[in-house]
């Protein structure tokens, strides 16, 4: 047993560094080699920039510019088309890159985050999973951050089970109340938008998913994600909130796994506690 432990301690660091280096090489390949050939940089970000009233759900599901999120989010993004597309794209990309740096925080944490190919894919497409990971990490101290999750990818809010299992009812109320108020106000002021969104979601249930989607039904992933979060709450493992919420995403694309970068702050926290 002692020999095995010595071997693990001896080789863990070099193997880990090797994996990080390999991941960084894959990420570099995505941007420097694959991206110029495929030419779909910012595919998802374009949907956020191009959304416009009064019908933000006019583009069919899967089309360039198709917008999936709730009316309050559409109302926010509707303001950004005053920017030129390339300006919005680079500002949005900078926000995602900055979020990854914040998640990683330390030089090694940042290297690990950027070494995950799913993170590179997420930045390439310009979706919001990294931002949702930030919201979940912040949500332990500032529960209102869950508003971003509830209004964009509601099923991923199974992470709120953390507060339920631990009996943190005030935190749960702070997490849910802002989104509830926003929903009620927009429902009163723009009911047609909510009708359009509900029809859009209903149509998406029958839409075949792309090749980069993990082909596991949401109705299987949702309870599994809830179970992971509940287990994490019982055993004080914060990373389980991010992991369970990722499982419960409405559609689990390969790039969606970038949300798992949100486990890095918990890994860093546990490591610092162990060193005390």
C-alpha atoms as a PDB file:
ATOM      1  CA  UNK A   1       0.000   0.000   0.000  1.00  0.00           C
ATOM      2  CA  UNK A   2       2.823   2.401   0.889  1.00  0.00           C
ATOM      3  CA  UNK A   3       4.520   1.622  -2.433  1.00  0.00           C
ATOM      4  CA  UNK A   4       1.313   2.345  -4.308  1.00  0.00           C
ATOM      5  CA  UNK A   5       0.900   5.663  -2.519  1.00  0.00           C
ATOM      6  CA  UNK A   6       4.456   6.673  -3.297  1.00  0.00           C
ATOM      7  CA  UNK A   7       3.948   5.837  -6.964  1.00  0.00           C
ATOM      8  CA  UNK A   8       0.712   7.845  -7.074  1.00  0.00           C
ATOM      9  CA  UNK A   9       2.365  10.840  -5.415  1.00  0.00           C
ATOM     10  CA  UNK A  10       5.386  10.575  -7.696  1.00  0.00           C
ATOM     11  CA  UNK A  11       3.514  10.424 -10.980  1.00  0.00           C
ATOM     12  CA  UNK A  12       0.313  12.389 -10.304  1.00  0.00           C
ATOM     13  CA  UNK A  13       1.902  15.781 -10.959  1.00  0.00           C
ATOM     14  CA  UNK A  14       3.783  14.919 -14.187  1.00  0.00           C
ATOM     15  CA  UNK A  15       0.788  13.008 -15.576  1.00  0.00           C
ATOM     16  CA  UNK A  16      -1.514  15.897 -14.682  1.00  0.00           C
ATOM     17  CA  UNK A  17       0.811  18.415 -16.328  1.00  0.00           C
ATOM     18  CA  UNK A  18       0.982  16.201 -19.402  1.00  0.00           C
ATOM     19  CA  UNK A  19      -2.811  16.078 -19.641  1.00  0.00           C
ATOM     20  CA  UNK A  20      -3.063  19.861 -19.261  1.00  0.00           C
ATOM     21  CA  UNK A  21      -0.477  20.354 -22.009  1.00  0.00           C
ATOM     22  CA  UNK A  22      -2.316  17.924 -24.286  1.00  0.00           C
ATOM     23  CA  UNK A  23      -5.608  19.716 -23.601  1.00  0.00           C
ATOM     24  CA  UNK A  24      -4.100  23.100 -24.377  1.00  0.00           C
ATOM     25  CA  UNK A  25      -2.807  21.700 -27.679  1.00  0.00           C
ATOM     26  CA  UNK A  26      -6.296  20.434 -28.567  1.00  0.00           C
ATOM     27  CA  UNK A  27      -7.817  23.806 -27.677  1.00  0.00           C
ATOM     28  CA  UNK A  28      -5.218  25.566 -29.817  1.00  0.00           C
ATOM     29  CA  UNK A  29      -6.053  23.208 -32.694  1.00  0.00           C
ATOM     30  CA  UNK A  30      -9.743  24.099 -32.422  1.00  0.00           C
ATOM     31  CA  UNK A  31      -9.058  27.821 -32.824  1.00  0.00           C
ATOM     32  CA  UNK A  32      -6.001  27.854 -35.091  1.00  0.00           C
ATOM     33  CA  UNK A  33      -6.758  24.956 -37.443  1.00  0.00           C
ATOM     34  CA  UNK A  34     -10.395  23.844 -37.257  1.00  0.00           C
ATOM     35  CA  UNK A  35     -12.007  27.280 -36.847  1.00  0.00           C
ATOM     36  CA  UNK A  36     -10.686  28.800 -40.094  1.00  0.00           C
ATOM     37  CA  UNK A  37     -11.896  25.726 -41.988  1.00  0.00           C
ATOM     38  CA  UNK A  38     -15.365  25.408 -40.446  1.00  0.00           C
ATOM     39  CA  UNK A  39     -15.993  29.173 -40.196  1.00  0.00           C
ATOM     40  CA  UNK A  40     -18.803  29.040 -37.653  1.00  0.00           C
ATOM     41  CA  UNK A  41     -17.131  31.103 -34.936  1.00  0.00           C
ATOM     42  CA  UNK A  42     -19.821  32.740 -32.791  1.00  0.00           C
ATOM     43  CA  UNK A  43     -22.704  30.642 -34.155  1.00  0.00           C
ATOM     44  CA  UNK A  44     -24.626  30.769 -30.858  1.00  0.00           C
ATOM     45  CA  UNK A  45     -23.556  34.317 -30.046  1.00  0.00           C
ATOM     46  CA  UNK A  46     -25.147  35.460 -33.305  1.00  0.00           C
ATOM     47  CA  UNK A  47     -28.556  34.402 -31.965  1.00  0.00           C
ATOM     48  CA  UNK A  48     -28.087  36.713 -28.985  1.00  0.00           C
ATOM     49  CA  UNK A  49     -27.048  39.654 -31.146  1.00  0.00           C
ATOM     50  CA  UNK A  50     -29.680  39.215 -33.859  1.00  0.00           C
ATOM     51  CA  UNK A  51     -32.734  38.690 -31.630  1.00  0.00           C
ATOM     52  CA  UNK A  52     -35.303  41.403 -32.240  1.00  0.00           C
ATOM     53  CA  UNK A  53     -38.789  42.365 -31.222  1.00  0.00           C
ATOM     54  CA  UNK A  54     -41.654  41.865 -31.607  1.00  0.00           C
ATOM     55  CA  UNK A  55     -40.958  38.229 -32.535  1.00  0.00           C
ATOM     56  CA  UNK A  56     -37.688  36.948 -31.037  1.00  0.00           C
ATOM     57  CA  UNK A  57     -38.681  33.353 -31.863  1.00  0.00           C
ATOM     58  CA  UNK A  58     -39.157  33.866 -35.596  1.00  0.00           C
ATOM     59  CA  UNK A  59     -36.097  31.857 -36.661  1.00  0.00           C
ATOM     60  CA  UNK A  60     -36.849  28.107 -36.722  1.00  0.00           C
ATOM     61  CA  UNK A  61     -35.140  25.827 -34.229  1.00  0.00           C
ATOM     62  CA  UNK A  62     -31.602  24.998 -35.259  1.00  0.00           C
ATOM     63  CA  UNK A  63     -31.361  27.838 -37.764  1.00  0.00           C
ATOM     64  CA  UNK A  64     -28.767  30.581 -37.670  1.00  0.00           C
ATOM     65  CA  UNK A  65     -30.083  33.097 -35.180  1.00  0.00           C
ATOM     66  CA  UNK A  66     -32.622  30.833 -33.461  1.00  0.00           C
ATOM     67  CA  UNK A  67     -33.185  32.159 -29.938  1.00  0.00           C
ATOM     68  CA  UNK A  68     -34.210  29.715 -27.198  1.00  0.00           C
ATOM     69  CA  UNK A  69     -34.427  31.689 -23.982  1.00  0.00           C
ATOM     70  CA  UNK A  70     -37.324  33.258 -22.099  1.00  0.00           C
ATOM     71  CA  UNK A  71     -38.836  36.653 -23.023  1.00  0.00           C
ATOM     72  CA  UNK A  72     -37.002  38.614 -20.269  1.00  0.00           C
ATOM     73  CA  UNK A  73     -33.675  37.463 -21.706  1.00  0.00           C
ATOM     74  CA  UNK A  74     -34.846  38.309 -25.222  1.00  0.00           C
ATOM     75  CA  UNK A  75     -35.737  41.816 -24.069  1.00  0.00           C
ATOM     76  CA  UNK A  76     -32.212  42.291 -22.723  1.00  0.00           C
ATOM     77  CA  UNK A  77     -30.421  41.026 -25.822  1.00  0.00           C
ATOM     78  CA  UNK A  78     -32.691  43.040 -28.099  1.00  0.00           C
ATOM     79  CA  UNK A  79     -30.676  46.106 -27.047  1.00  0.00           C
ATOM     80  CA  UNK A  80     -27.374  44.787 -28.358  1.00  0.00           C
ATOM     81  CA  UNK A  81     -28.133  44.939 -32.070  1.00  0.00           C
ATOM     82  CA  UNK A  82     -27.186  48.622 -31.902  1.00  0.00           C
ATOM     83  CA  UNK A  83     -23.602  47.339 -31.901  1.00  0.00           C
ATOM     84  CA  UNK A  84     -21.980  46.059 -35.046  1.00  0.00           C
ATOM     85  CA  UNK A  85     -21.841  42.273 -35.150  1.00  0.00           C
ATOM     86  CA  UNK A  86     -18.056  42.018 -34.946  1.00  0.00           C
ATOM     87  CA  UNK A  87     -17.973  44.397 -31.950  1.00  0.00           C
ATOM     88  CA  UNK A  88     -20.581  42.355 -30.094  1.00  0.00           C
ATOM     89  CA  UNK A  89     -18.786  39.097 -30.938  1.00  0.00           C
ATOM     90  CA  UNK A  90     -15.435  40.196 -29.567  1.00  0.00           C
ATOM     91  CA  UNK A  91     -16.958  41.771 -26.472  1.00  0.00           C
ATOM     92  CA  UNK A  92     -18.925  38.579 -25.855  1.00  0.00           C
ATOM     93  CA  UNK A  93     -15.844  36.415 -26.418  1.00  0.00           C
ATOM     94  CA  UNK A  94     -13.875  38.602 -24.009  1.00  0.00           C
ATOM     95  CA  UNK A  95     -16.611  38.102 -21.413  1.00  0.00           C
ATOM     96  CA  UNK A  96     -16.409  34.317 -21.795  1.00  0.00           C
ATOM     97  CA  UNK A  97     -12.611  34.284 -21.641  1.00  0.00           C
ATOM     98  CA  UNK A  98     -12.675  36.555 -18.595  1.00  0.00           C
ATOM     99  CA  UNK A  99     -15.189  34.218 -16.939  1.00  0.00           C
ATOM    100  CA  UNK A 100     -12.909  31.227 -17.498  1.00  0.00           C
ATOM    101  CA  UNK A 101      -9.986  33.164 -15.988  1.00  0.00           C
ATOM    102  CA  UNK A 102     -12.162  34.056 -12.983  1.00  0.00           C
ATOM    103  CA  UNK A 103     -13.175  30.425 -12.547  1.00  0.00           C
ATOM    104  CA  UNK A 104      -9.591  29.205 -12.746  1.00  0.00           C
ATOM    105  CA  UNK A 105      -8.226  32.105 -10.662  1.00  0.00           C
ATOM    106  CA  UNK A 106      -4.755  30.632 -10.060  1.00  0.00           C
ATOM    107  CA  UNK A 107      -2.287  30.043 -12.937  1.00  0.00           C
ATOM    108  CA  UNK A 108      -2.756  26.273 -12.676  1.00  0.00           C
ATOM    109  CA  UNK A 109      -6.532  26.566 -12.385  1.00  0.00           C
ATOM    110  CA  UNK A 110      -6.657  28.804 -15.458  1.00  0.00           C
ATOM    111  CA  UNK A 111      -4.450  26.394 -17.414  1.00  0.00           C
ATOM    112  CA  UNK A 112      -6.682  23.466 -16.434  1.00  0.00           C
ATOM    113  CA  UNK A 113      -9.830  25.360 -17.450  1.00  0.00           C
ATOM    114  CA  UNK A 114      -8.498  26.315 -20.877  1.00  0.00           C
ATOM    115  CA  UNK A 115      -7.094  22.807 -21.353  1.00  0.00           C
ATOM    116  CA  UNK A 116     -10.598  21.312 -21.324  1.00  0.00           C
ATOM    117  CA  UNK A 117     -11.593  21.009 -25.009  1.00  0.00           C
ATOM    118  CA  UNK A 118     -15.259  21.560 -24.136  1.00  0.00           C
ATOM    119  CA  UNK A 119     -14.345  25.020 -22.824  1.00  0.00           C
ATOM    120  CA  UNK A 120     -12.636  25.835 -26.117  1.00  0.00           C
ATOM    121  CA  UNK A 121     -15.725  24.642 -28.015  1.00  0.00           C
ATOM    122  CA  UNK A 122     -17.958  26.765 -25.800  1.00  0.00           C
ATOM    123  CA  UNK A 123     -15.900  29.898 -26.394  1.00  0.00           C
ATOM    124  CA  UNK A 124     -15.814  29.106 -30.108  1.00  0.00           C
ATOM    125  CA  UNK A 125     -19.608  28.841 -30.362  1.00  0.00           C
ATOM    126  CA  UNK A 126     -20.288  31.615 -27.852  1.00  0.00           C
ATOM    127  CA  UNK A 127     -22.971  29.966 -25.738  1.00  0.00           C
ATOM    128  CA  UNK A 128     -23.707  30.824 -22.083  1.00  0.00           C
ATOM    129  CA  UNK A 129     -22.723  27.653 -20.186  1.00  0.00           C
ATOM    130  CA  UNK A 130     -19.527  29.184 -18.787  1.00  0.00           C
ATOM    131  CA  UNK A 131     -21.517  32.186 -17.573  1.00  0.00           C
ATOM    132  CA  UNK A 132     -23.999  29.846 -15.904  1.00  0.00           C
ATOM    133  CA  UNK A 133     -21.104  28.083 -14.180  1.00  0.00           C
ATOM    134  CA  UNK A 134     -20.026  31.460 -12.806  1.00  0.00           C
ATOM    135  CA  UNK A 135     -23.592  32.101 -11.607  1.00  0.00           C
ATOM    136  CA  UNK A 136     -23.659  28.765  -9.776  1.00  0.00           C
ATOM    137  CA  UNK A 137     -20.316  29.372  -8.093  1.00  0.00           C
ATOM    138  CA  UNK A 138     -21.452  32.845  -7.021  1.00  0.00           C
ATOM    139  CA  UNK A 139     -24.802  31.385  -5.961  1.00  0.00           C
ATOM    140  CA  UNK A 140     -23.413  29.893  -2.764  1.00  0.00           C
ATOM    141  CA  UNK A 141     -22.642  33.385  -1.465  1.00  0.00           C
ATOM    142  CA  UNK A 142     -25.097  35.391  -3.550  1.00  0.00           C
ATOM    143  CA  UNK A 143     -28.160  33.196  -4.236  1.00  0.00           C
ATOM    144  CA  UNK A 144     -29.751  35.820  -6.506  1.00  0.00           C
ATOM    145  CA  UNK A 145     -27.164  34.805  -9.126  1.00  0.00           C
ATOM    146  CA  UNK A 146     -29.408  31.820  -9.873  1.00  0.00           C
ATOM    147  CA  UNK A 147     -31.715  34.259 -11.693  1.00  0.00           C
ATOM    148  CA  UNK A 148     -29.509  33.806 -14.770  1.00  0.00           C
ATOM    149  CA  UNK A 149     -30.046  30.047 -14.713  1.00  0.00           C
ATOM    150  CA  UNK A 150     -33.779  30.192 -14.064  1.00  0.00           C
ATOM    151  CA  UNK A 151     -34.407  32.582 -16.957  1.00  0.00           C
ATOM    152  CA  UNK A 152     -32.210  30.830 -19.527  1.00  0.00           C
ATOM    153  CA  UNK A 153     -32.018  27.083 -18.901  1.00  0.00           C
ATOM    154  CA  UNK A 154     -34.617  26.452 -16.169  1.00  0.00           C
ATOM    155  CA  UNK A 155     -34.131  22.691 -15.880  1.00  0.00           C
ATOM    156  CA  UNK A 156     -30.516  23.303 -14.818  1.00  0.00           C
ATOM    157  CA  UNK A 157     -31.923  25.009 -11.727  1.00  0.00           C
ATOM    158  CA  UNK A 158     -32.129  21.567 -10.079  1.00  0.00           C
ATOM    159  CA  UNK A 159     -29.015  22.938  -8.371  1.00  0.00           C
ATOM    160  CA  UNK A 160     -31.385  24.835  -6.076  1.00  0.00           C
ATOM    161  CA  UNK A 161     -32.060  21.505  -4.385  1.00  0.00           C
ATOM    162  CA  UNK A 162     -28.857  22.277  -2.479  1.00  0.00           C
ATOM    163  CA  UNK A 163     -30.745  24.884  -0.450  1.00  0.00           C
ATOM    164  CA  UNK A 164     -33.782  22.621  -0.017  1.00  0.00           C
ATOM    165  CA  UNK A 165     -31.832  19.637   1.310  1.00  0.00           C
ATOM    166  CA  UNK A 166     -29.792  21.816   3.656  1.00  0.00           C
ATOM    167  CA  UNK A 167     -32.842  23.725   4.876  1.00  0.00           C
ATOM    168  CA  UNK A 168     -31.490  27.077   3.697  1.00  0.00           C
ATOM    169  CA  UNK A 169     -34.918  28.512   3.009  1.00  0.00           C
ATOM    170  CA  UNK A 170     -33.894  32.164   3.060  1.00  0.00           C
ATOM    171  CA  UNK A 171     -31.221  31.515   0.442  1.00  0.00           C
ATOM    172  CA  UNK A 172     -33.753  29.598  -1.643  1.00  0.00           C
ATOM    173  CA  UNK A 173     -36.178  32.525  -1.483  1.00  0.00           C
ATOM    174  CA  UNK A 174     -33.450  34.984  -2.496  1.00  0.00           C
ATOM    175  CA  UNK A 175     -32.526  32.676  -5.403  1.00  0.00           C
ATOM    176  CA  UNK A 176     -36.068  32.319  -6.720  1.00  0.00           C
ATOM    177  CA  UNK A 177     -37.726  35.667  -5.927  1.00  0.00           C
ATOM    178  CA  UNK A 178     -35.959  37.892  -8.507  1.00  0.00           C
ATOM    179  CA  UNK A 179     -36.721  35.502 -11.354  1.00  0.00           C
ATOM    180  CA  UNK A 180     -40.326  35.117 -10.188  1.00  0.00           C
ATOM    181  CA  UNK A 181     -40.835  38.897 -10.108  1.00  0.00           C
ATOM    182  CA  UNK A 182     -39.296  39.296 -13.568  1.00  0.00           C
ATOM    183  CA  UNK A 183     -41.476  36.521 -14.980  1.00  0.00           C
ATOM    184  CA  UNK A 184     -44.682  37.990 -13.528  1.00  0.00           C
ATOM    185  CA  UNK A 185     -43.903  41.515 -14.767  1.00  0.00           C
ATOM    186  CA  UNK A 186     -43.050  40.418 -18.291  1.00  0.00           C
ATOM    187  CA  UNK A 187     -46.028  38.075 -18.367  1.00  0.00           C
ATOM    188  CA  UNK A 188     -48.306  41.017 -17.594  1.00  0.00           C
ATOM    189  CA  UNK A 189     -46.620  43.459 -19.970  1.00  0.00           C
ATOM    190  CA  UNK A 190     -45.730  41.126 -22.855  1.00  0.00           C
ATOM    191  CA  UNK A 191     -48.000  38.055 -22.691  1.00  0.00           C
ATOM    192  CA  UNK A 192     -47.606  37.408 -26.436  1.00  0.00           C
ATOM    193  CA  UNK A 193     -43.877  36.868 -25.956  1.00  0.00           C
ATOM    194  CA  UNK A 194     -44.529  34.127 -23.419  1.00  0.00           C
ATOM    195  CA  UNK A 195     -47.037  32.466 -25.756  1.00  0.00           C
ATOM    196  CA  UNK A 196     -44.435  32.538 -28.521  1.00  0.00           C
ATOM    197  CA  UNK A 197     -41.774  31.093 -26.241  1.00  0.00           C
ATOM    198  CA  UNK A 198     -44.014  28.286 -24.988  1.00  0.00           C
ATOM    199  CA  UNK A 199     -44.874  27.327 -28.578  1.00  0.00           C
ATOM    200  CA  UNK A 200     -41.186  27.433 -29.482  1.00  0.00           C
ATOM    201  CA  UNK A 201     -40.275  25.138 -26.563  1.00  0.00           C
ATOM    202  CA  UNK A 202     -43.099  22.752 -27.417  1.00  0.00           C
ATOM    203  CA  UNK A 203     -41.880  22.515 -31.004  1.00  0.00           C
ATOM    204  CA  UNK A 204     -38.315  21.907 -29.848  1.00  0.00           C
ATOM    205  CA  UNK A 205     -39.339  18.757 -27.972  1.00  0.00           C
ATOM    206  CA  UNK A 206     -39.982  16.996 -31.280  1.00  0.00           C
ATOM    207  CA  UNK A 207     -36.955  18.475 -33.034  1.00  0.00           C
ATOM    208  CA  UNK A 208     -34.137  15.967 -33.715  1.00  0.00           C
ATOM    209  CA  UNK A 209     -30.919  16.904 -31.943  1.00  0.00           C
ATOM    210  CA  UNK A 210     -27.633  17.411 -33.762  1.00  0.00           C
ATOM    211  CA  UNK A 211     -24.691  15.062 -33.871  1.00  0.00           C
ATOM    212  CA  UNK A 212     -22.924  16.932 -31.091  1.00  0.00           C
ATOM    213  CA  UNK A 213     -25.749  16.349 -28.593  1.00  0.00           C
ATOM    214  CA  UNK A 214     -25.598  13.629 -25.937  1.00  0.00           C
ATOM    215  CA  UNK A 215     -28.549  11.432 -26.872  1.00  0.00           C
ATOM    216  CA  UNK A 216     -29.999  10.819 -23.411  1.00  0.00           C
ATOM    217  CA  UNK A 217     -33.548  11.921 -22.652  1.00  0.00           C
ATOM    218  CA  UNK A 218     -34.020  14.929 -20.378  1.00  0.00           C
ATOM    219  CA  UNK A 219     -36.539  12.877 -18.395  1.00  0.00           C
ATOM    220  CA  UNK A 220     -33.702  10.538 -17.432  1.00  0.00           C
ATOM    221  CA  UNK A 221     -31.079  13.212 -16.903  1.00  0.00           C
ATOM    222  CA  UNK A 222     -33.298  15.484 -14.805  1.00  0.00           C
ATOM    223  CA  UNK A 223     -33.831  13.086 -11.850  1.00  0.00           C
ATOM    224  CA  UNK A 224     -30.215  11.944 -12.122  1.00  0.00           C
ATOM    225  CA  UNK A 225     -29.036  15.545 -11.857  1.00  0.00           C
ATOM    226  CA  UNK A 226     -31.363  16.155  -8.922  1.00  0.00           C
ATOM    227  CA  UNK A 227     -29.980  13.086  -7.149  1.00  0.00           C
ATOM    228  CA  UNK A 228     -26.399  14.266  -7.664  1.00  0.00           C
ATOM    229  CA  UNK A 229     -27.194  17.706  -6.215  1.00  0.00           C
ATOM    230  CA  UNK A 230     -29.032  16.190  -3.227  1.00  0.00           C
ATOM    231  CA  UNK A 231     -26.113  13.851  -2.526  1.00  0.00           C
ATOM    232  CA  UNK A 232     -23.722  16.790  -2.730  1.00  0.00           C
ATOM    233  CA  UNK A 233     -25.843  18.784  -0.294  1.00  0.00           C
ATOM    234  CA  UNK A 234     -25.856  15.915   2.196  1.00  0.00           C
ATOM    235  CA  UNK A 235     -22.092  15.373   1.947  1.00  0.00           C
ATOM    236  CA  UNK A 236     -21.056  19.043   1.611  1.00  0.00           C
ATOM    237  CA  UNK A 237     -19.700  18.698  -1.931  1.00  0.00           C
ATOM    238  CA  UNK A 238     -20.408  21.946  -3.739  1.00  0.00           C
ATOM    239  CA  UNK A 239     -19.067  20.663  -7.047  1.00  0.00           C
ATOM    240  CA  UNK A 240     -22.084  18.332  -7.185  1.00  0.00           C
ATOM    241  CA  UNK A 241     -24.315  21.379  -7.779  1.00  0.00           C
ATOM    242  CA  UNK A 242     -22.494  22.167 -11.014  1.00  0.00           C
ATOM    243  CA  UNK A 243     -22.315  18.503 -12.028  1.00  0.00           C
ATOM    244  CA  UNK A 244     -26.001  17.831 -11.351  1.00  0.00           C
ATOM    245  CA  UNK A 245     -27.096  21.037 -13.067  1.00  0.00           C
ATOM    246  CA  UNK A 246     -25.039  20.113 -16.119  1.00  0.00           C
ATOM    247  CA  UNK A 247     -26.771  16.737 -16.282  1.00  0.00           C
ATOM    248  CA  UNK A 248     -30.146  18.488 -16.187  1.00  0.00           C
ATOM    249  CA  UNK A 249     -29.533  20.961 -19.028  1.00  0.00           C
ATOM    250  CA  UNK A 250     -32.428  21.084 -21.512  1.00  0.00           C
ATOM    251  CA  UNK A 251     -30.117  19.759 -24.242  1.00  0.00           C
ATOM    252  CA  UNK A 252     -26.744  18.305 -23.319  1.00  0.00           C
ATOM    253  CA  UNK A 253     -24.420  19.355 -26.138  1.00  0.00           C
ATOM    254  CA  UNK A 254     -20.761  18.381 -26.000  1.00  0.00           C
ATOM    255  CA  UNK A 255     -19.887  22.061 -25.605  1.00  0.00           C
ATOM    256  CA  UNK A 256     -22.359  22.223 -22.694  1.00  0.00           C
ATOM    257  CA  UNK A 257     -19.880  20.178 -20.675  1.00  0.00           C
ATOM    258  CA  UNK A 258     -17.852  23.385 -20.421  1.00  0.00           C
ATOM    259  CA  UNK A 259     -20.162  24.192 -17.504  1.00  0.00           C
ATOM    260  CA  UNK A 260     -18.226  21.581 -15.524  1.00  0.00           C
ATOM    261  CA  UNK A 261     -15.398  24.109 -15.337  1.00  0.00           C
ATOM    262  CA  UNK A 262     -17.414  25.410 -12.410  1.00  0.00           C
ATOM    263  CA  UNK A 263     -16.038  22.563 -10.274  1.00  0.00           C
ATOM    264  CA  UNK A 264     -12.552  24.137 -10.340  1.00  0.00           C
ATOM    265  CA  UNK A 265     -13.254  26.728  -7.598  1.00  0.00           C
ATOM    266  CA  UNK A 266     -14.447  23.917  -5.311  1.00  0.00           C
ATOM    267  CA  UNK A 267     -11.374  21.830  -6.147  1.00  0.00           C
ATOM    268  CA  UNK A 268      -9.217  24.866  -5.329  1.00  0.00           C
ATOM    269  CA  UNK A 269     -11.097  25.473  -2.066  1.00  0.00           C
ATOM    270  CA  UNK A 270     -10.762  21.892  -0.896  1.00  0.00           C
ATOM    271  CA  UNK A 271      -7.088  21.858  -1.820  1.00  0.00           C
ATOM    272  CA  UNK A 272      -6.389  25.017   0.191  1.00  0.00           C
ATOM    273  CA  UNK A 273      -8.271  23.578   3.198  1.00  0.00           C
ATOM    274  CA  UNK A 274      -6.254  20.340   2.973  1.00  0.00           C
ATOM    275  CA  UNK A 275      -3.006  22.321   3.027  1.00  0.00           C
ATOM    276  CA  UNK A 276      -3.911  24.143   6.258  1.00  0.00           C
END
